[in-house]
């Protein structure tokens, strides 16, 4: 993994955790609060840790699968070049969608069959008050359609490796965990303008990295 990719991953994970993930995953946190036992602090901590461990595990699994899929395009330098160019174009479009937050982002995040399926499962978990429902919530959270997650999955594919793809998603999961935990303690005092600015920065980084990936792909096809 080159420095540009690592910087991009860390930057987008940091900015998007504040500007996007907190609002996007807020419903899961509400559901988790319903399931935890307010009178037992030890069980509460166990539930929160389990929830986040399951969420990061889902990210890592997705990263490994997408990275493995990307390995099929690494067999030929020219094919990989075209593949990277397409990923770069996708990232530019995604970055614009994150900044504008219009119909494109709404379509990517809220109108899929997966989104509706996950919402139904959340309602079922809450209604049945499942004993280990917090683990299911965390795992489902990892599969939630999300523009930011799409960015990291695109990076995972571009690595052409299941291990590197899993690493990309693990970094995102851990950074988002730290930032969202910090938000609960400190950042909640910051206003929506600050969150919007963080989202703008994350979208800008996605666009810049998309152009970078497209350029690498273009050069590979002409090499």
C-alpha atoms as a PDB file:
ATOM      1  CA  UNK A   1       0.000   0.000   0.000  1.00  0.00           C
ATOM      2  CA  UNK A   2       1.578   3.286  -1.112  1.00  0.00           C
ATOM      3  CA  UNK A   3       1.681   6.463   0.989  1.00  0.00           C
ATOM      4  CA  UNK A   4      -0.917   8.291  -1.108  1.00  0.00           C
ATOM      5  CA  UNK A   5      -3.424   5.473  -0.568  1.00  0.00           C
ATOM      6  CA  UNK A   6      -2.738   5.297   3.179  1.00  0.00           C
ATOM      7  CA  UNK A   7      -3.066   9.076   3.581  1.00  0.00           C
ATOM      8  CA  UNK A   8      -6.302   9.013   1.599  1.00  0.00           C
ATOM      9  CA  UNK A   9      -7.723   6.162   3.705  1.00  0.00           C
ATOM     10  CA  UNK A  10      -6.871   7.839   7.017  1.00  0.00           C
ATOM     11  CA  UNK A  11      -8.106  11.265   5.867  1.00  0.00           C
ATOM     12  CA  UNK A  12     -11.448  10.062   4.542  1.00  0.00           C
ATOM     13  CA  UNK A  13     -11.956   7.801   7.580  1.00  0.00           C
ATOM     14  CA  UNK A  14     -11.278  10.730   9.912  1.00  0.00           C
ATOM     15  CA  UNK A  15     -13.351  13.379   8.115  1.00  0.00           C
ATOM     16  CA  UNK A  16     -16.258  11.117   7.165  1.00  0.00           C
ATOM     17  CA  UNK A  17     -16.582   9.651  10.667  1.00  0.00           C
ATOM     18  CA  UNK A  18     -17.475  13.124  11.922  1.00  0.00           C
ATOM     19  CA  UNK A  19     -19.318  14.448   8.881  1.00  0.00           C
ATOM     20  CA  UNK A  20     -21.215  11.381   7.700  1.00  0.00           C
ATOM     21  CA  UNK A  21     -20.993   8.204   9.793  1.00  0.00           C
ATOM     22  CA  UNK A  22     -22.417   9.731  12.953  1.00  0.00           C
ATOM     23  CA  UNK A  23     -25.636  10.696  11.208  1.00  0.00           C
ATOM     24  CA  UNK A  24     -25.761   7.609   8.993  1.00  0.00           C
ATOM     25  CA  UNK A  25     -25.309   5.114  11.847  1.00  0.00           C
ATOM     26  CA  UNK A  26     -27.326   7.015  14.415  1.00  0.00           C
ATOM     27  CA  UNK A  27     -30.267   4.632  14.046  1.00  0.00           C
ATOM     28  CA  UNK A  28     -28.088   1.686  15.011  1.00  0.00           C
ATOM     29  CA  UNK A  29     -26.928   3.480  18.144  1.00  0.00           C
ATOM     30  CA  UNK A  30     -30.561   4.146  19.109  1.00  0.00           C
ATOM     31  CA  UNK A  31     -31.380   0.466  18.561  1.00  0.00           C
ATOM     32  CA  UNK A  32     -28.351  -0.542  20.629  1.00  0.00           C
ATOM     33  CA  UNK A  33     -29.437   1.719  23.489  1.00  0.00           C
ATOM     34  CA  UNK A  34     -32.795  -0.076  23.555  1.00  0.00           C
ATOM     35  CA  UNK A  35     -31.118  -3.476  23.861  1.00  0.00           C
ATOM     36  CA  UNK A  36     -28.535  -2.698  26.555  1.00  0.00           C
ATOM     37  CA  UNK A  37     -29.300  -3.147  30.234  1.00  0.00           C
ATOM     38  CA  UNK A  38     -29.123   0.331  31.729  1.00  0.00           C
ATOM     39  CA  UNK A  39     -28.731  -1.050  35.288  1.00  0.00           C
ATOM     40  CA  UNK A  40     -25.728  -3.275  34.535  1.00  0.00           C
ATOM     41  CA  UNK A  41     -22.635  -1.314  33.470  1.00  0.00           C
ATOM     42  CA  UNK A  42     -20.567  -4.454  32.818  1.00  0.00           C
ATOM     43  CA  UNK A  43     -23.187  -5.788  30.390  1.00  0.00           C
ATOM     44  CA  UNK A  44     -23.454  -2.368  28.758  1.00  0.00           C
ATOM     45  CA  UNK A  45     -19.709  -2.261  28.110  1.00  0.00           C
ATOM     46  CA  UNK A  46     -19.788  -5.840  26.796  1.00  0.00           C
ATOM     47  CA  UNK A  47     -22.658  -4.974  24.450  1.00  0.00           C
ATOM     48  CA  UNK A  48     -20.946  -1.839  23.114  1.00  0.00           C
ATOM     49  CA  UNK A  49     -17.618  -3.630  22.585  1.00  0.00           C
ATOM     50  CA  UNK A  50     -19.391  -6.586  20.969  1.00  0.00           C
ATOM     51  CA  UNK A  51     -21.409  -4.295  18.703  1.00  0.00           C
ATOM     52  CA  UNK A  52     -18.326  -2.481  17.428  1.00  0.00           C
ATOM     53  CA  UNK A  53     -16.288  -5.683  17.096  1.00  0.00           C
ATOM     54  CA  UNK A  54     -19.065  -7.178  14.955  1.00  0.00           C
ATOM     55  CA  UNK A  55     -19.252  -4.004  12.852  1.00  0.00           C
ATOM     56  CA  UNK A  56     -15.509  -3.937  12.173  1.00  0.00           C
ATOM     57  CA  UNK A  57     -15.565  -7.693  11.478  1.00  0.00           C
ATOM     58  CA  UNK A  58     -18.206  -7.126   8.794  1.00  0.00           C
ATOM     59  CA  UNK A  59     -16.016  -4.423   7.237  1.00  0.00           C
ATOM     60  CA  UNK A  60     -12.978  -6.726   7.254  1.00  0.00           C
ATOM     61  CA  UNK A  61     -14.982  -9.546   5.658  1.00  0.00           C
ATOM     62  CA  UNK A  62     -16.221  -7.229   2.918  1.00  0.00           C
ATOM     63  CA  UNK A  63     -12.705  -5.891   2.365  1.00  0.00           C
ATOM     64  CA  UNK A  64     -11.304  -9.400   1.978  1.00  0.00           C
ATOM     65  CA  UNK A  65     -14.042 -10.383  -0.488  1.00  0.00           C
ATOM     66  CA  UNK A  66     -13.680  -7.237  -2.588  1.00  0.00           C
ATOM     67  CA  UNK A  67      -9.892  -7.422  -2.471  1.00  0.00           C
ATOM     68  CA  UNK A  68     -10.015 -11.039  -3.648  1.00  0.00           C
ATOM     69  CA  UNK A  69     -12.358 -10.021  -6.463  1.00  0.00           C
ATOM     70  CA  UNK A  70      -9.927  -7.284  -7.495  1.00  0.00           C
ATOM     71  CA  UNK A  71      -7.125  -9.850  -7.778  1.00  0.00           C
ATOM     72  CA  UNK A  72      -8.746 -11.198 -10.958  1.00  0.00           C
ATOM     73  CA  UNK A  73      -7.999  -7.865 -12.648  1.00  0.00           C
ATOM     74  CA  UNK A  74      -4.356  -7.901 -11.578  1.00  0.00           C
ATOM     75  CA  UNK A  75      -3.413 -10.719 -13.949  1.00  0.00           C
ATOM     76  CA  UNK A  76      -2.687  -8.291 -16.763  1.00  0.00           C
ATOM     77  CA  UNK A  77      -1.115  -4.829 -16.407  1.00  0.00           C
ATOM     78  CA  UNK A  78      -3.341  -3.360 -19.116  1.00  0.00           C
ATOM     79  CA  UNK A  79      -6.524  -4.897 -17.715  1.00  0.00           C
ATOM     80  CA  UNK A  80      -5.598  -3.626 -14.251  1.00  0.00           C
ATOM     81  CA  UNK A  81      -4.993  -0.192 -15.765  1.00  0.00           C
ATOM     82  CA  UNK A  82      -8.481  -0.044 -17.249  1.00  0.00           C
ATOM     83  CA  UNK A  83      -9.914  -1.339 -13.978  1.00  0.00           C
ATOM     84  CA  UNK A  84      -8.135   1.327 -11.916  1.00  0.00           C
ATOM     85  CA  UNK A  85      -9.256   4.026 -14.345  1.00  0.00           C
ATOM     86  CA  UNK A  86     -12.904   2.966 -13.926  1.00  0.00           C
ATOM     87  CA  UNK A  87     -12.533   2.896 -10.127  1.00  0.00           C
ATOM     88  CA  UNK A  88     -11.015   6.387 -10.240  1.00  0.00           C
ATOM     89  CA  UNK A  89     -13.941   7.750 -12.256  1.00  0.00           C
ATOM     90  CA  UNK A  90     -16.351   6.115  -9.804  1.00  0.00           C
ATOM     91  CA  UNK A  91     -14.550   7.735  -6.878  1.00  0.00           C
ATOM     92  CA  UNK A  92     -14.730  11.177  -8.474  1.00  0.00           C
ATOM     93  CA  UNK A  93     -18.498  10.766  -8.942  1.00  0.00           C
ATOM     94  CA  UNK A  94     -18.834   9.448  -5.385  1.00  0.00           C
ATOM     95  CA  UNK A  95     -16.819  12.361  -3.987  1.00  0.00           C
ATOM     96  CA  UNK A  96     -19.096  14.841  -5.738  1.00  0.00           C
ATOM     97  CA  UNK A  97     -22.136  12.956  -4.400  1.00  0.00           C
ATOM     98  CA  UNK A  98     -20.772  13.144  -0.841  1.00  0.00           C
ATOM     99  CA  UNK A  99     -20.264  16.895  -1.147  1.00  0.00           C
ATOM    100  CA  UNK A 100     -23.575  17.652  -2.841  1.00  0.00           C
ATOM    101  CA  UNK A 101     -25.586  15.080  -0.843  1.00  0.00           C
ATOM    102  CA  UNK A 102     -28.289  15.070  -3.501  1.00  0.00           C
ATOM    103  CA  UNK A 103     -30.245  12.437  -5.374  1.00  0.00           C
ATOM    104  CA  UNK A 104     -27.184  10.382  -6.320  1.00  0.00           C
ATOM    105  CA  UNK A 105     -26.146   9.824  -2.700  1.00  0.00           C
ATOM    106  CA  UNK A 106     -29.739   9.193  -1.622  1.00  0.00           C
ATOM    107  CA  UNK A 107     -30.038   6.586  -4.351  1.00  0.00           C
ATOM    108  CA  UNK A 108     -26.781   4.896  -3.317  1.00  0.00           C
ATOM    109  CA  UNK A 109     -27.642   4.804   0.369  1.00  0.00           C
ATOM    110  CA  UNK A 110     -31.364   4.681   0.926  1.00  0.00           C
ATOM    111  CA  UNK A 111     -33.185   3.067  -1.968  1.00  0.00           C
ATOM    112  CA  UNK A 112     -31.624  -0.374  -2.223  1.00  0.00           C
ATOM    113  CA  UNK A 113     -33.197  -3.720  -1.352  1.00  0.00           C
ATOM    114  CA  UNK A 114     -30.323  -4.295   1.097  1.00  0.00           C
ATOM    115  CA  UNK A 115     -31.174  -1.101   2.983  1.00  0.00           C
ATOM    116  CA  UNK A 116     -34.816  -2.199   3.364  1.00  0.00           C
ATOM    117  CA  UNK A 117     -33.764  -5.711   4.380  1.00  0.00           C
ATOM    118  CA  UNK A 118     -31.440  -4.408   7.093  1.00  0.00           C
ATOM    119  CA  UNK A 119     -34.122  -2.087   8.472  1.00  0.00           C
ATOM    120  CA  UNK A 120     -36.546  -5.016   8.734  1.00  0.00           C
ATOM    121  CA  UNK A 121     -33.928  -7.046  10.592  1.00  0.00           C
ATOM    122  CA  UNK A 122     -33.289  -4.171  13.014  1.00  0.00           C
ATOM    123  CA  UNK A 123     -37.000  -3.962  13.846  1.00  0.00           C
ATOM    124  CA  UNK A 124     -37.110  -7.726  14.373  1.00  0.00           C
ATOM    125  CA  UNK A 125     -34.085  -7.654  16.712  1.00  0.00           C
ATOM    126  CA  UNK A 126     -35.620  -4.862  18.799  1.00  0.00           C
ATOM    127  CA  UNK A 127     -39.114  -6.380  18.935  1.00  0.00           C
ATOM    128  CA  UNK A 128     -37.788  -9.793  20.054  1.00  0.00           C
ATOM    129  CA  UNK A 129     -35.182  -8.225  22.370  1.00  0.00           C
ATOM    130  CA  UNK A 130     -32.647 -10.862  21.317  1.00  0.00           C
ATOM    131  CA  UNK A 131     -29.998 -11.803  23.856  1.00  0.00           C
ATOM    132  CA  UNK A 132     -27.105 -11.224  21.477  1.00  0.00           C
ATOM    133  CA  UNK A 133     -28.943  -8.709  19.325  1.00  0.00           C
ATOM    134  CA  UNK A 134     -26.117  -6.189  19.761  1.00  0.00           C
ATOM    135  CA  UNK A 135     -23.811  -8.492  17.777  1.00  0.00           C
ATOM    136  CA  UNK A 136     -26.361  -8.774  14.971  1.00  0.00           C
ATOM    137  CA  UNK A 137     -26.831  -5.000  14.959  1.00  0.00           C
ATOM    138  CA  UNK A 138     -23.095  -4.426  14.651  1.00  0.00           C
ATOM    139  CA  UNK A 139     -22.725  -6.934  11.842  1.00  0.00           C
ATOM    140  CA  UNK A 140     -25.707  -5.481   9.969  1.00  0.00           C
ATOM    141  CA  UNK A 141     -24.250  -1.999  10.439  1.00  0.00           C
ATOM    142  CA  UNK A 142     -21.177  -3.152   8.516  1.00  0.00           C
ATOM    143  CA  UNK A 143     -23.333  -4.053   5.515  1.00  0.00           C
ATOM    144  CA  UNK A 144     -25.398  -0.851   5.561  1.00  0.00           C
ATOM    145  CA  UNK A 145     -25.369   0.841   2.110  1.00  0.00           C
ATOM    146  CA  UNK A 146     -23.166   3.900   2.595  1.00  0.00           C
ATOM    147  CA  UNK A 147     -21.297   6.196   0.220  1.00  0.00           C
ATOM    148  CA  UNK A 148     -18.269   6.293   2.501  1.00  0.00           C
ATOM    149  CA  UNK A 149     -18.113   2.493   2.732  1.00  0.00           C
ATOM    150  CA  UNK A 150     -18.310   2.335  -1.072  1.00  0.00           C
ATOM    151  CA  UNK A 151     -15.158   4.438  -1.197  1.00  0.00           C
ATOM    152  CA  UNK A 152     -13.241   2.035   1.019  1.00  0.00           C
ATOM    153  CA  UNK A 153     -14.564  -0.989  -0.872  1.00  0.00           C
ATOM    154  CA  UNK A 154     -13.362   0.591  -4.099  1.00  0.00           C
ATOM    155  CA  UNK A 155      -9.923   0.981  -2.536  1.00  0.00           C
ATOM    156  CA  UNK A 156     -10.098  -2.642  -1.340  1.00  0.00           C
ATOM    157  CA  UNK A 157     -10.785  -3.802  -4.893  1.00  0.00           C
ATOM    158  CA  UNK A 158      -7.963  -1.688  -6.267  1.00  0.00           C
ATOM    159  CA  UNK A 159      -5.454  -3.393  -3.947  1.00  0.00           C
ATOM    160  CA  UNK A 160      -5.994  -6.660  -5.805  1.00  0.00           C
ATOM    161  CA  UNK A 161      -5.442  -8.616  -2.582  1.00  0.00           C
ATOM    162  CA  UNK A 162      -7.778 -10.131  -0.006  1.00  0.00           C
ATOM    163  CA  UNK A 163      -5.314  -9.335   2.794  1.00  0.00           C
ATOM    164  CA  UNK A 164      -4.800  -5.713   1.741  1.00  0.00           C
ATOM    165  CA  UNK A 165      -8.519  -5.292   1.133  1.00  0.00           C
ATOM    166  CA  UNK A 166      -9.254  -6.525   4.655  1.00  0.00           C
ATOM    167  CA  UNK A 167      -6.558  -4.177   6.002  1.00  0.00           C
ATOM    168  CA  UNK A 168      -8.139  -1.178   4.257  1.00  0.00           C
ATOM    169  CA  UNK A 169     -11.523  -1.883   5.826  1.00  0.00           C
ATOM    170  CA  UNK A 170      -9.965  -2.629   9.228  1.00  0.00           C
ATOM    171  CA  UNK A 171      -8.277   0.790   9.238  1.00  0.00           C
ATOM    172  CA  UNK A 172     -11.555   2.471   8.350  1.00  0.00           C
ATOM    173  CA  UNK A 173     -13.414   0.516  11.034  1.00  0.00           C
ATOM    174  CA  UNK A 174     -10.930   1.354  13.771  1.00  0.00           C
ATOM    175  CA  UNK A 175     -10.670   5.053  12.883  1.00  0.00           C
ATOM    176  CA  UNK A 176     -14.456   5.388  12.727  1.00  0.00           C
ATOM    177  CA  UNK A 177     -14.713   3.613  16.088  1.00  0.00           C
ATOM    178  CA  UNK A 178     -12.288   6.019  17.756  1.00  0.00           C
ATOM    179  CA  UNK A 179     -13.856   9.125  16.202  1.00  0.00           C
ATOM    180  CA  UNK A 180     -17.460   8.142  16.881  1.00  0.00           C
ATOM    181  CA  UNK A 181     -16.564   7.280  20.482  1.00  0.00           C
ATOM    182  CA  UNK A 182     -14.863  10.650  20.834  1.00  0.00           C
ATOM    183  CA  UNK A 183     -17.932  12.313  19.366  1.00  0.00           C
ATOM    184  CA  UNK A 184     -20.064  10.899  22.154  1.00  0.00           C
ATOM    185  CA  UNK A 185     -17.809  12.598  24.697  1.00  0.00           C
ATOM    186  CA  UNK A 186     -16.564  15.790  23.036  1.00  0.00           C
ATOM    187  CA  UNK A 187     -17.592  16.445  19.469  1.00  0.00           C
ATOM    188  CA  UNK A 188     -21.328  16.517  20.184  1.00  0.00           C
ATOM    189  CA  UNK A 189     -20.805  20.114  21.266  1.00  0.00           C
ATOM    190  CA  UNK A 190     -19.770  21.090  17.729  1.00  0.00           C
ATOM    191  CA  UNK A 191     -22.436  22.334  15.351  1.00  0.00           C
ATOM    192  CA  UNK A 192     -23.768  21.009  12.032  1.00  0.00           C
ATOM    193  CA  UNK A 193     -21.630  23.468  10.060  1.00  0.00           C
ATOM    194  CA  UNK A 194     -18.503  21.768  11.366  1.00  0.00           C
ATOM    195  CA  UNK A 195     -19.864  18.340  10.432  1.00  0.00           C
ATOM    196  CA  UNK A 196     -20.753  19.586   6.961  1.00  0.00           C
ATOM    197  CA  UNK A 197     -17.244  20.967   6.574  1.00  0.00           C
ATOM    198  CA  UNK A 198     -15.781  17.580   7.562  1.00  0.00           C
ATOM    199  CA  UNK A 199     -18.035  15.898   4.988  1.00  0.00           C
ATOM    200  CA  UNK A 200     -16.887  18.389   2.365  1.00  0.00           C
ATOM    201  CA  UNK A 201     -13.239  17.622   3.138  1.00  0.00           C
ATOM    202  CA  UNK A 202     -13.831  13.868   2.923  1.00  0.00           C
ATOM    203  CA  UNK A 203     -15.550  14.287  -0.451  1.00  0.00           C
ATOM    204  CA  UNK A 204     -12.693  16.446  -1.676  1.00  0.00           C
ATOM    205  CA  UNK A 205     -10.122  13.830  -0.670  1.00  0.00           C
ATOM    206  CA  UNK A 206     -12.165  11.145  -2.442  1.00  0.00           C
ATOM    207  CA  UNK A 207     -12.216  13.240  -5.634  1.00  0.00           C
ATOM    208  CA  UNK A 208      -8.474  13.928  -5.512  1.00  0.00           C
ATOM    209  CA  UNK A 209      -7.669  10.280  -4.889  1.00  0.00           C
ATOM    210  CA  UNK A 210     -10.063   9.258  -7.670  1.00  0.00           C
ATOM    211  CA  UNK A 211      -8.162  11.468 -10.106  1.00  0.00           C
ATOM    212  CA  UNK A 212      -4.893   9.969  -8.831  1.00  0.00           C
ATOM    213  CA  UNK A 213      -6.137   6.382  -9.325  1.00  0.00           C
ATOM    214  CA  UNK A 214      -7.501   7.212 -12.782  1.00  0.00           C
ATOM    215  CA  UNK A 215      -4.134   8.688 -13.786  1.00  0.00           C
ATOM    216  CA  UNK A 216      -2.312   5.547 -12.605  1.00  0.00           C
ATOM    217  CA  UNK A 217      -4.762   3.417 -14.564  1.00  0.00           C
ATOM    218  CA  UNK A 218      -4.387   5.565 -17.671  1.00  0.00           C
ATOM    219  CA  UNK A 219      -0.611   5.340 -17.530  1.00  0.00           C
ATOM    220  CA  UNK A 220      -0.793   1.550 -17.077  1.00  0.00           C
ATOM    221  CA  UNK A 221      -2.906   1.149 -20.202  1.00  0.00           C
ATOM    222  CA  UNK A 222      -0.376   3.123 -22.208  1.00  0.00           C
ATOM    223  CA  UNK A 223       2.687   1.482 -20.676  1.00  0.00           C
END
